[in-house]
C-alpha atoms as a PDB file:
ATOM      1  CA  MET A   1      -0.840  -7.048  19.839  1.00  0.00           C
ATOM      2  CA  LYS A   2       0.760  -4.097  17.844  1.00  0.00           C
ATOM      3  CA  VAL A   3       0.119  -2.833  14.403  1.00  0.00           C
ATOM      4  CA  ALA A   4       2.568  -2.321  12.333  1.00  0.00           C
ATOM      5  CA  HIS A   5       1.623   0.294  10.030  1.00  0.00           C
ATOM      6  CA  LEU A   6      -1.315   3.028   9.831  1.00  0.00           C
ATOM      7  CA  VAL A   7      -1.430   5.545   7.288  1.00  0.00           C
ATOM      8  CA  ALA A   8      -1.719   9.017   7.284  1.00  0.00           C
ATOM      9  CA  ALA A   9      -5.012  10.325   4.892  1.00  0.00           C
ATOM     10  CA  ALA A  10      -6.421  13.515   4.194  1.00  0.00           C
ATOM     11  CA  VAL A  11      -9.556  15.272   3.979  1.00  0.00           C
ATOM     12  CA  LEU A  12     -11.843  14.618   0.299  1.00  0.00           C
ATOM     13  CA  ALA A  13     -14.311  16.659  -0.787  1.00  0.00           C
ATOM     14  CA  SER A  14     -17.419  15.952   1.366  1.00  0.00           C
ATOM     15  CA  THR A  15     -15.727  12.896   2.882  1.00  0.00           C
ATOM     16  CA  PHE A  16     -14.200  13.371   6.477  1.00  0.00           C
ATOM     17  CA  VAL A  17     -10.764  11.434   6.946  1.00  0.00           C
ATOM     18  CA  LEU A  18      -9.118  11.207  10.160  1.00  0.00           C
ATOM     19  CA  PRO A  19      -5.333  11.550  10.003  1.00  0.00           C
ATOM     20  CA  MET A  20      -3.862   8.332  10.958  1.00  0.00           C
ATOM     21  CA  ALA A  21       0.126   6.814  11.939  1.00  0.00           C
ATOM     22  CA  LEU A  22       2.027   4.673   9.789  1.00  0.00           C
ATOM     23  CA  PRO A  23       4.935   3.073  10.627  1.00  0.00           C
ATOM     24  CA  ALA A  24       9.206   1.713  10.891  1.00  0.00           C
ATOM     25  CA  THR A  25      10.328  -1.589  10.867  1.00  0.00           C
ATOM     26  CA  ALA A  26      10.308  -3.968  13.501  1.00  0.00           C
ATOM     27  CA  GLY A  27      12.981  -3.342  15.753  1.00  0.00           C
ATOM     28  CA  SER A  28      13.847  -0.161  14.228  1.00  0.00           C
ATOM     29  CA  GLU A  29      15.996   2.301  16.909  1.00  0.00           C
ATOM     30  CA  ASP A  30      15.950   5.018  14.891  1.00  0.00           C
ATOM     31  CA  LYS A  31      13.497   8.174  15.851  1.00  0.00           C
ATOM     32  CA  PRO A  32      11.478   8.757  12.777  1.00  0.00           C
ATOM     33  CA  GLN A  33      11.980  12.588  13.100  1.00  0.00           C
ATOM     34  CA  PRO A  34      13.137  15.069  10.286  1.00  0.00           C
ATOM     35  CA  PRO A  35      16.762  15.066  10.064  1.00  0.00           C
ATOM     36  CA  GLY A  36      18.375  18.613  10.700  1.00  0.00           C
ATOM     37  CA  LEU A  37      15.296  20.132  11.526  1.00  0.00           C
ATOM     38  CA  ALA A  38      14.372  21.022  15.637  1.00  0.00           C
ATOM     39  CA  LYS A  39      11.707  19.133  17.572  1.00  0.00           C
ATOM     40  CA  GLN A  40       8.105  21.028  16.338  1.00  0.00           C
ATOM     41  CA  ASP A  41       4.771  20.112  15.751  1.00  0.00           C
ATOM     42  CA  THR A  42       3.857  17.737  13.119  1.00  0.00           C
ATOM     43  CA  LEU A  43       3.091  14.351  12.884  1.00  0.00           C
ATOM     44  CA  ARG A  44       6.033  12.591  12.589  1.00  0.00           C
ATOM     45  CA  TRP A  45       7.661  14.259  15.615  1.00  0.00           C
ATOM     46  CA  ALA A  46       4.605  13.657  18.305  1.00  0.00           C
ATOM     47  CA  ALA A  47       4.445   9.804  16.496  1.00  0.00           C
ATOM     48  CA  PRO A  48       5.679   7.293  19.241  1.00  0.00           C
ATOM     49  CA  LYS A  49       9.430   5.828  18.664  1.00  0.00           C
ATOM     50  CA  ASP A  50       8.378   2.801  16.938  1.00  0.00           C
ATOM     51  CA  VAL A  51       5.804   4.369  14.673  1.00  0.00           C
ATOM     52  CA  ARG A  52       6.103   6.143  11.547  1.00  0.00           C
ATOM     53  CA  ILE A  53       3.316   8.394   9.985  1.00  0.00           C
ATOM     54  CA  GLY A  54       3.093   7.829   6.527  1.00  0.00           C
ATOM     55  CA  THR A  55       0.969   8.959   3.383  1.00  0.00           C
ATOM     56  CA  ALA A  56       0.563   8.670  -0.854  1.00  0.00           C
ATOM     57  CA  VAL A  57       2.728  10.917  -2.933  1.00  0.00           C
ATOM     58  CA  ALA A  58       0.399  12.758  -4.613  1.00  0.00           C
ATOM     59  CA  GLY A  59       1.265  12.760  -8.657  1.00  0.00           C
ATOM     60  CA  GLY A  60       1.375   9.966 -11.494  1.00  0.00           C
ATOM     61  CA  GLY A  61      -1.535   8.305 -13.171  1.00  0.00           C
ATOM     62  CA  HIS A  62      -4.737  10.393 -13.109  1.00  0.00           C
ATOM     63  CA  HIS A  63      -3.005  13.676 -11.872  1.00  0.00           C
ATOM     64  CA  GLU A  64      -1.851  13.548 -15.370  1.00  0.00           C
ATOM     65  CA  THR A  65      -5.423  14.067 -17.003  1.00  0.00           C
ATOM     66  CA  MET A  66      -6.659  16.761 -14.405  1.00  0.00           C
ATOM     67  CA  PRO A  67      -6.362  20.501 -14.647  1.00  0.00           C
ATOM     68  CA  TYR A  68      -4.341  21.375 -12.380  1.00  0.00           C
ATOM     69  CA  ALA A  69      -0.451  20.567 -11.835  1.00  0.00           C
ATOM     70  CA  ASN A  70       1.002  17.125 -10.206  1.00  0.00           C
ATOM     71  CA  PRO A  71       1.554  18.118  -6.765  1.00  0.00           C
ATOM     72  CA  PHE A  72       4.150  16.309  -5.682  1.00  0.00           C
ATOM     73  CA  THR A  73       6.541  18.006  -9.048  1.00  0.00           C
ATOM     74  CA  SER A  74       5.164  20.768  -9.058  1.00  0.00           C
ATOM     75  CA  ASP A  75       3.879  22.518  -5.427  1.00  0.00           C
ATOM     76  CA  ALA A  76       7.175  23.651  -3.284  1.00  0.00           C
ATOM     77  CA  GLU A  77       4.222  23.505  -0.257  1.00  0.00           C
ATOM     78  CA  TYR A  78       3.515  20.137  -0.274  1.00  0.00           C
ATOM     79  CA  ARG A  79       6.629  18.959  -0.829  1.00  0.00           C
ATOM     80  CA  GLU A  80       7.719  20.791   2.786  1.00  0.00           C
ATOM     81  CA  VAL A  81       4.467  19.206   4.106  1.00  0.00           C
ATOM     82  CA  LEU A  82       5.118  15.845   2.752  1.00  0.00           C
ATOM     83  CA  ALA A  83       9.019  16.158   4.490  1.00  0.00           C
ATOM     84  CA  ALA A  84       7.930  17.643   7.685  1.00  0.00           C
ATOM     85  CA  GLU A  85       5.173  15.875   8.540  1.00  0.00           C
ATOM     86  CA  PHE A  86       5.478  12.235   7.154  1.00  0.00           C
ATOM     87  CA  SER A  87       8.159   9.684   7.998  1.00  0.00           C
ATOM     88  CA  SER A  88       6.879   6.993   5.686  1.00  0.00           C
ATOM     89  CA  VAL A  89       5.867   7.376   2.006  1.00  0.00           C
ATOM     90  CA  SER A  90       4.322   5.418  -0.590  1.00  0.00           C
ATOM     91  CA  PRO A  91       3.578   6.152  -4.513  1.00  0.00           C
ATOM     92  CA  GLU A  92      -0.107   7.449  -5.221  1.00  0.00           C
ATOM     93  CA  ASN A  93       0.306   5.820  -8.989  1.00  0.00           C
ATOM     94  CA  GLN A  94       4.080   6.124  -9.527  1.00  0.00           C
ATOM     95  CA  ALA A  95       4.808   2.360  -8.920  1.00  0.00           C
ATOM     96  CA  LYS A  96       1.740   1.063 -10.523  1.00  0.00           C
ATOM     97  CA  TRP A  97       1.870  -1.037 -13.426  1.00  0.00           C
ATOM     98  CA  GLU A  98       0.243   1.268 -16.312  1.00  0.00           C
ATOM     99  CA  PHE A  99       2.639   4.242 -15.101  1.00  0.00           C
ATOM    100  CA  ILE A 100       5.477   2.520 -14.624  1.00  0.00           C
ATOM    101  CA  HIS A 101       5.633  -0.054 -17.002  1.00  0.00           C
ATOM    102  CA  PRO A 102       3.484   1.773 -20.214  1.00  0.00           C
ATOM    103  CA  ALA A 103       4.945  -0.697 -23.049  1.00  0.00           C
ATOM    104  CA  ARG A 104       6.566  -4.455 -22.795  1.00  0.00           C
ATOM    105  CA  ASP A 105       9.754  -3.235 -23.794  1.00  0.00           C
ATOM    106  CA  GLN A 106       9.724  -0.154 -21.357  1.00  0.00           C
ATOM    107  CA  TYR A 107       9.700   1.532 -17.861  1.00  0.00           C
ATOM    108  CA  ARG A 108       9.166   4.186 -16.694  1.00  0.00           C
ATOM    109  CA  PHE A 109      11.369   5.119 -13.370  1.00  0.00           C
ATOM    110  CA  ALA A 110      12.001   8.803 -13.434  1.00  0.00           C
ATOM    111  CA  GLU A 111       8.896   9.361 -11.014  1.00  0.00           C
ATOM    112  CA  MET A 112       9.209   6.945  -8.789  1.00  0.00           C
ATOM    113  CA  ASP A 113      13.340   7.304  -8.632  1.00  0.00           C
ATOM    114  CA  ALA A 114      12.159  11.474  -7.279  1.00  0.00           C
ATOM    115  CA  ILE A 115      10.097   9.543  -4.111  1.00  0.00           C
ATOM    116  CA  VAL A 116      12.511   7.450  -3.241  1.00  0.00           C
ATOM    117  CA  ASP A 117      15.059   9.839  -3.750  1.00  0.00           C
ATOM    118  CA  PHE A 118      13.469  12.520  -2.042  1.00  0.00           C
ATOM    119  CA  ALA A 119      12.929   9.876   1.006  1.00  0.00           C
ATOM    120  CA  GLN A 120      16.042   9.034   1.487  1.00  0.00           C
ATOM    121  CA  GLN A 121      17.142  13.167   1.764  1.00  0.00           C
ATOM    122  CA  ASN A 122      14.138  13.518   4.471  1.00  0.00           C
ATOM    123  CA  GLY A 123      14.646  10.220   6.459  1.00  0.00           C
ATOM    124  CA  GLN A 124      11.672   8.880   5.053  1.00  0.00           C
ATOM    125  CA  VAL A 125      11.149   4.832   4.350  1.00  0.00           C
ATOM    126  CA  VAL A 126       9.469   3.884   1.494  1.00  0.00           C
ATOM    127  CA  ARG A 127       6.109   1.465   0.958  1.00  0.00           C
ATOM    128  CA  GLY A 128       5.917   0.215  -2.569  1.00  0.00           C
ATOM    129  CA  HIS A 129       2.438  -0.522  -4.015  1.00  0.00           C
ATOM    130  CA  THR A 130       2.064  -2.494  -6.378  1.00  0.00           C
ATOM    131  CA  LEU A 131       3.236  -5.385  -8.235  1.00  0.00           C
ATOM    132  CA  PHE A 132      -0.053  -8.000  -8.473  1.00  0.00           C
ATOM    133  CA  TRP A 133      -3.318  -6.555  -8.934  1.00  0.00           C
ATOM    134  CA  HIS A 134      -5.972  -6.765 -11.099  1.00  0.00           C
ATOM    135  CA  SER A 135      -6.759  -3.008 -12.143  1.00  0.00           C
ATOM    136  CA  GLN A 136      -4.404   0.143 -13.563  1.00  0.00           C
ATOM    137  CA  ASN A 137      -2.592  -2.499 -15.912  1.00  0.00           C
ATOM    138  CA  PRO A 138      -1.881  -1.596 -19.167  1.00  0.00           C
ATOM    139  CA  ALA A 139      -3.626  -2.534 -22.402  1.00  0.00           C
ATOM    140  CA  TRP A 140      -0.415  -3.796 -23.988  1.00  0.00           C
ATOM    141  CA  LEU A 141      -1.327  -6.493 -21.005  1.00  0.00           C
ATOM    142  CA  GLU A 142      -4.765  -7.268 -20.436  1.00  0.00           C
ATOM    143  CA  GLN A 143      -5.312  -6.805 -24.066  1.00  0.00           C
ATOM    144  CA  GLY A 144      -2.493  -9.190 -25.043  1.00  0.00           C
ATOM    145  CA  ASN A 145      -2.490 -11.820 -26.507  1.00  0.00           C
ATOM    146  CA  PHE A 146       0.099 -14.185 -24.442  1.00  0.00           C
ATOM    147  CA  SER A 147       0.947 -17.741 -23.946  1.00  0.00           C
ATOM    148  CA  LYS A 148       0.832 -18.756 -20.290  1.00  0.00           C
ATOM    149  CA  GLU A 149       4.659 -19.082 -20.764  1.00  0.00           C
ATOM    150  CA  GLU A 150       5.189 -15.058 -21.759  1.00  0.00           C
ATOM    151  CA  LEU A 151       3.239 -13.966 -18.799  1.00  0.00           C
ATOM    152  CA  ARG A 152       5.307 -15.764 -16.955  1.00  0.00           C
ATOM    153  CA  SER A 153       7.892 -14.389 -17.904  1.00  0.00           C
ATOM    154  CA  ILE A 154       6.482 -10.996 -17.949  1.00  0.00           C
ATOM    155  CA  LEU A 155       5.047 -10.775 -14.186  1.00  0.00           C
ATOM    156  CA  LYS A 156       8.963 -12.302 -13.238  1.00  0.00           C
ATOM    157  CA  ASP A 157      10.637  -9.585 -15.470  1.00  0.00           C
ATOM    158  CA  HIS A 158       8.410  -6.988 -14.199  1.00  0.00           C
ATOM    159  CA  ILE A 159       8.899  -7.589 -10.539  1.00  0.00           C
ATOM    160  CA  THR A 160      12.788  -8.474 -10.979  1.00  0.00           C
ATOM    161  CA  THR A 161      13.263  -5.182 -12.197  1.00  0.00           C
ATOM    162  CA  VAL A 162      11.116  -2.539 -10.188  1.00  0.00           C
ATOM    163  CA  VAL A 163      12.005  -4.615  -7.028  1.00  0.00           C
ATOM    164  CA  GLY A 164      15.209  -5.273  -8.055  1.00  0.00           C
ATOM    165  CA  ARG A 165      15.891  -0.785  -8.933  1.00  0.00           C
ATOM    166  CA  TYR A 166      15.094  -0.202  -5.293  1.00  0.00           C
ATOM    167  CA  ALA A 167      16.604  -2.825  -3.849  1.00  0.00           C
ATOM    168  CA  GLY A 168      17.268  -1.557  -0.436  1.00  0.00           C
ATOM    169  CA  LYS A 169      15.228   1.401  -0.250  1.00  0.00           C
ATOM    170  CA  ILE A 170      12.041   0.185   0.079  1.00  0.00           C
ATOM    171  CA  GLN A 171      10.872  -1.107   3.135  1.00  0.00           C
ATOM    172  CA  GLN A 172       7.583  -3.009   1.795  1.00  0.00           C
ATOM    173  CA  TRP A 173       5.977  -4.206  -0.971  1.00  0.00           C
ATOM    174  CA  ASP A 174       2.546  -4.868  -1.264  1.00  0.00           C
ATOM    175  CA  VAL A 175       3.357  -7.840  -3.287  1.00  0.00           C
ATOM    176  CA  ALA A 176      -0.464  -8.988  -4.214  1.00  0.00           C
ATOM    177  CA  ASN A 177      -3.233  -6.540  -3.337  1.00  0.00           C
ATOM    178  CA  GLU A 178      -6.727  -7.197  -3.638  1.00  0.00           C
ATOM    179  CA  ILE A 179      -6.717 -10.794  -4.804  1.00  0.00           C
ATOM    180  CA  PHE A 180      -9.988 -11.813  -3.124  1.00  0.00           C
ATOM    181  CA  ASN A 181     -13.394 -11.238  -3.938  1.00  0.00           C
ATOM    182  CA  GLY A 182     -15.917 -10.430  -0.657  1.00  0.00           C
ATOM    183  CA  ASP A 183     -16.931 -14.145  -0.055  1.00  0.00           C
ATOM    184  CA  GLY A 184     -13.450 -15.170   0.106  1.00  0.00           C
ATOM    185  CA  THR A 185     -13.289 -16.683  -3.294  1.00  0.00           C
ATOM    186  CA  LEU A 186     -10.300 -15.733  -5.587  1.00  0.00           C
ATOM    187  CA  ARG A 187     -10.547 -12.962  -8.315  1.00  0.00           C
ATOM    188  CA  THR A 188      -9.951 -15.639 -11.345  1.00  0.00           C
ATOM    189  CA  THR A 189     -12.054 -13.248 -13.681  1.00  0.00           C
ATOM    190  CA  ASP A 190     -11.076  -9.748 -13.632  1.00  0.00           C
ATOM    191  CA  ASN A 191      -7.114 -10.668 -12.515  1.00  0.00           C
ATOM    192  CA  ILE A 192      -4.681 -12.018 -15.154  1.00  0.00           C
ATOM    193  CA  TRP A 193      -1.856 -13.483 -13.470  1.00  0.00           C
ATOM    194  CA  ILE A 194      -4.418 -16.141 -11.566  1.00  0.00           C
ATOM    195  CA  ARG A 195      -7.339 -16.400 -14.077  1.00  0.00           C
ATOM    196  CA  GLU A 196      -4.460 -17.172 -16.903  1.00  0.00           C
ATOM    197  CA  LEU A 197      -1.747 -18.990 -14.289  1.00  0.00           C
ATOM    198  CA  GLY A 198      -3.488 -20.023 -11.760  1.00  0.00           C
ATOM    199  CA  PRO A 199      -3.229 -19.519  -8.036  1.00  0.00           C
ATOM    200  CA  GLU A 200       0.082 -20.461  -7.833  1.00  0.00           C
ATOM    201  CA  ILE A 201       1.399 -17.675  -9.425  1.00  0.00           C
ATOM    202  CA  ILE A 202       0.964 -15.613  -6.199  1.00  0.00           C
ATOM    203  CA  ALA A 203       3.759 -17.924  -4.527  1.00  0.00           C
ATOM    204  CA  ASP A 204       6.110 -17.004  -7.301  1.00  0.00           C
ATOM    205  CA  ALA A 205       5.183 -13.061  -6.967  1.00  0.00           C
ATOM    206  CA  PHE A 206       6.443 -13.326  -3.338  1.00  0.00           C
ATOM    207  CA  ARG A 207       9.181 -15.425  -4.356  1.00  0.00           C
ATOM    208  CA  TRP A 208      10.499 -13.325  -7.033  1.00  0.00           C
ATOM    209  CA  THR A 209      10.157 -10.367  -4.660  1.00  0.00           C
ATOM    210  CA  HIS A 210      12.049 -11.782  -1.989  1.00  0.00           C
ATOM    211  CA  GLU A 211      14.272 -13.179  -4.379  1.00  0.00           C
ATOM    212  CA  ALA A 212      15.057  -9.494  -5.716  1.00  0.00           C
ATOM    213  CA  ASP A 213      14.984  -7.602  -2.199  1.00  0.00           C
ATOM    214  CA  PRO A 214      15.821 -10.258  -0.030  1.00  0.00           C
ATOM    215  CA  ASN A 215      15.169  -7.013   2.703  1.00  0.00           C
ATOM    216  CA  ALA A 216      12.097  -5.539   1.825  1.00  0.00           C
ATOM    217  CA  LYS A 217       8.758  -6.789   3.585  1.00  0.00           C
ATOM    218  CA  LEU A 218       6.575  -8.533   1.289  1.00  0.00           C
ATOM    219  CA  PHE A 219       2.680  -7.958   2.491  1.00  0.00           C
ATOM    220  CA  PHE A 220      -0.926  -9.350   1.200  1.00  0.00           C
ATOM    221  CA  ASN A 221      -3.229  -5.535   1.133  1.00  0.00           C
ATOM    222  CA  ASP A 222      -7.354  -5.403   0.741  1.00  0.00           C
ATOM    223  CA  TYR A 223      -9.962  -3.526   1.576  1.00  0.00           C
ATOM    224  CA  GLY A 224     -13.195  -5.249   3.514  1.00  0.00           C
ATOM    225  CA  VAL A 225     -10.937  -7.128   5.508  1.00  0.00           C
ATOM    226  CA  GLU A 226     -11.040  -5.637   8.489  1.00  0.00           C
ATOM    227  CA  SER A 227     -13.008  -7.718  10.658  1.00  0.00           C
ATOM    228  CA  ILE A 228     -13.212 -11.289  10.931  1.00  0.00           C
ATOM    229  CA  ASN A 229     -15.185 -12.493   7.807  1.00  0.00           C
ATOM    230  CA  ALA A 230     -15.363 -14.354   4.926  1.00  0.00           C
ATOM    231  CA  LYS A 231     -12.603 -13.012   2.883  1.00  0.00           C
ATOM    232  CA  SER A 232     -10.344 -11.836   5.854  1.00  0.00           C
ATOM    233  CA  THR A 233     -10.639 -15.475   6.848  1.00  0.00           C
ATOM    234  CA  ALA A 234      -9.866 -16.780   3.289  1.00  0.00           C
ATOM    235  CA  TYR A 235      -6.002 -14.459   3.917  1.00  0.00           C
ATOM    236  CA  VAL A 236      -5.383 -16.063   7.417  1.00  0.00           C
ATOM    237  CA  ASP A 237      -5.948 -19.778   5.194  1.00  0.00           C
ATOM    238  CA  LEU A 238      -3.949 -18.540   2.015  1.00  0.00           C
ATOM    239  CA  ILE A 239      -0.976 -17.232   4.343  1.00  0.00           C
ATOM    240  CA  SER A 240      -0.907 -20.107   6.474  1.00  0.00           C
ATOM    241  CA  ARG A 241      -0.367 -22.500   3.273  1.00  0.00           C
ATOM    242  CA  LEU A 242       2.439 -20.154   2.094  1.00  0.00           C
ATOM    243  CA  LEU A 243       4.299 -20.203   5.064  1.00  0.00           C
ATOM    244  CA  ALA A 244       4.246 -24.169   5.584  1.00  0.00           C
ATOM    245  CA  GLU A 245       5.607 -23.877   1.682  1.00  0.00           C
ATOM    246  CA  GLY A 246       8.503 -21.798   2.721  1.00  0.00           C
ATOM    247  CA  VAL A 247       7.559 -19.250   1.254  1.00  0.00           C
ATOM    248  CA  LYS A 248       8.579 -15.936   2.739  1.00  0.00           C
ATOM    249  CA  VAL A 249       5.150 -13.934   3.432  1.00  0.00           C
ATOM    250  CA  ASP A 250       5.973 -10.549   5.812  1.00  0.00           C
ATOM    251  CA  GLY A 251       3.037  -8.707   6.698  1.00  0.00           C
ATOM    252  CA  PHE A 252      -0.886  -8.461   6.340  1.00  0.00           C
ATOM    253  CA  ALA A 253      -2.753  -4.700   5.551  1.00  0.00           C
ATOM    254  CA  VAL A 254      -6.134  -3.762   5.895  1.00  0.00           C
ATOM    255  CA  GLN A 255      -6.933  -0.660   3.777  1.00  0.00           C
ATOM    256  CA  GLY A 256      -9.276   0.455   6.653  1.00  0.00           C
ATOM    257  CA  HIS A 257     -12.313   2.707   4.422  1.00  0.00           C
ATOM    258  CA  LEU A 258     -15.190   2.998   7.432  1.00  0.00           C
ATOM    259  CA  SER A 259     -17.900   4.823   7.520  1.00  0.00           C
ATOM    260  CA  THR A 260     -19.707   5.753  10.610  1.00  0.00           C
ATOM    261  CA  ARG A 261     -22.748   4.604   8.437  1.00  0.00           C
ATOM    262  CA  TYR A 262     -22.014   1.094   9.449  1.00  0.00           C
ATOM    263  CA  GLY A 263     -19.965   1.873  12.909  1.00  0.00           C
ATOM    264  CA  PHE A 264     -16.380   1.078  14.058  1.00  0.00           C
ATOM    265  CA  PRO A 265     -15.692  -2.571  13.217  1.00  0.00           C
ATOM    266  CA  GLY A 266     -15.587  -3.935  17.038  1.00  0.00           C
ATOM    267  CA  ASP A 267     -13.472  -7.234  15.909  1.00  0.00           C
ATOM    268  CA  LEU A 268     -10.628  -5.514  14.233  1.00  0.00           C
ATOM    269  CA  GLN A 269      -7.944  -6.052  17.075  1.00  0.00           C
ATOM    270  CA  ALA A 270      -9.120 -10.025  17.261  1.00  0.00           C
ATOM    271  CA  ASN A 271      -8.790 -10.349  13.030  1.00  0.00           C
ATOM    272  CA  LEU A 272      -5.409  -8.736  13.022  1.00  0.00           C
ATOM    273  CA  GLN A 273      -4.249 -10.832  15.851  1.00  0.00           C
ATOM    274  CA  ARG A 274      -5.080 -13.966  13.804  1.00  0.00           C
ATOM    275  CA  PHE A 275      -2.106 -12.736  11.694  1.00  0.00           C
ATOM    276  CA  GLU A 276      -0.176 -11.610  14.356  1.00  0.00           C
ATOM    277  CA  ASP A 277      -0.520 -15.570  15.401  1.00  0.00           C
ATOM    278  CA  LEU A 278       0.908 -16.185  12.291  1.00  0.00           C
ATOM    279  CA  GLY A 279       4.288 -14.192  13.215  1.00  0.00           C
ATOM    280  CA  LEU A 280       3.133 -11.297  10.494  1.00  0.00           C
ATOM    281  CA  GLU A 281       3.042  -7.330  10.727  1.00  0.00           C
ATOM    282  CA  THR A 282      -0.303  -5.570  10.206  1.00  0.00           C
ATOM    283  CA  ALA A 283      -0.574  -2.672   8.717  1.00  0.00           C
ATOM    284  CA  VAL A 284      -3.678  -0.395   8.128  1.00  0.00           C
ATOM    285  CA  THR A 285      -2.962   1.541   4.670  1.00  0.00           C
ATOM    286  CA  GLU A 286      -5.448   3.550   3.755  1.00  0.00           C
ATOM    287  CA  ILE A 287      -7.465   4.372   6.609  1.00  0.00           C
ATOM    288  CA  ASP A 288     -10.481   6.996   5.745  1.00  0.00           C
ATOM    289  CA  VAL A 289     -13.832   7.299   7.636  1.00  0.00           C
ATOM    290  CA  ARG A 290     -16.785   8.382   5.599  1.00  0.00           C
ATOM    291  CA  MET A 291     -19.770   9.605   6.453  1.00  0.00           C
ATOM    292  CA  ASP A 292     -23.508  10.680   5.205  1.00  0.00           C
ATOM    293  CA  ILE A 293     -24.742  14.452   5.127  1.00  0.00           C
ATOM    294  CA  PRO A 294     -27.287  15.922   3.032  1.00  0.00           C
ATOM    295  CA  ALA A 295     -26.284  17.746  -0.239  1.00  0.00           C
ATOM    296  CA  GLY A 296     -24.999  21.356   0.776  1.00  0.00           C
ATOM    297  CA  THR A 297     -24.581  20.901   4.020  1.00  0.00           C
ATOM    298  CA  LYS A 298     -21.312  20.501   6.542  1.00  0.00           C
ATOM    299  CA  PRO A 299     -20.644  17.495   9.102  1.00  0.00           C
ATOM    300  CA  THR A 300     -21.928  18.682  12.696  1.00  0.00           C
ATOM    301  CA  SER A 301     -19.899  18.409  15.471  1.00  0.00           C
ATOM    302  CA  GLU A 302     -21.596  15.531  16.473  1.00  0.00           C
ATOM    303  CA  GLN A 303     -20.752  13.827  13.646  1.00  0.00           C
ATOM    304  CA  LEU A 304     -16.908  15.203  13.459  1.00  0.00           C
ATOM    305  CA  ALA A 305     -16.956  13.896  17.540  1.00  0.00           C
ATOM    306  CA  LYS A 306     -18.053  10.553  16.251  1.00  0.00           C
END
């Protein structure tokens, strides 16, 4: 089994995070190294030929309310590291609904355009995130009094407009993000699309994304699905049905929020194998490893080794 993508993460506050890899399109023959740069001791140079090392591009969203400038647009050193270390980039917030579609008749593309342009200049692929989610939706959408027909039209317009703008420039899209509860039931309460339009809208989202960019790989993405459990099995069942209906689904992504408190999910490989058996690529998109330490202390060498 080959995991298609792993994503690099950073150390945040008292959370210790392991840097991991994030990868290339299946069958890609290029070596994902920085163009025009001599070989150096960086993650993207150290990666095997068919592995991409990836990270989120910090900026947008909550950064606009923080007491510091947007890292991607204001920090030259940040951009230098971004270009040198990583061969795949994903917008942290800049392609989420509340940011890129702030009003029904308004789109905000400048920040996402800058990420795509940066990636092309530095020989990087881009992973789009996300088109269909229950969180970080704009107030005009969540609080609007729309009919089912209007909501369906709004979603189709958003997917067609956003995906179409970057057609040929986005390697993968997280089409549907976090659509299941932990018990394997659909989020029928807090996901506006599923609640108002029914489960059938999931297939439509994938169809519209494929129509807007036939070459992009289309993924489901979620947390708490590293092991074989009710939630991950719900995805196996859903994807099996969609594939049988002829809906294009290319991959399944686990976010990989791990903790030393619980130990490593020993059935991760067996779980991902179920999706590869369906013909899908697999990905780890937000890998981080947490640990519990007393306030005001630092991790011990034993904890770091673990």
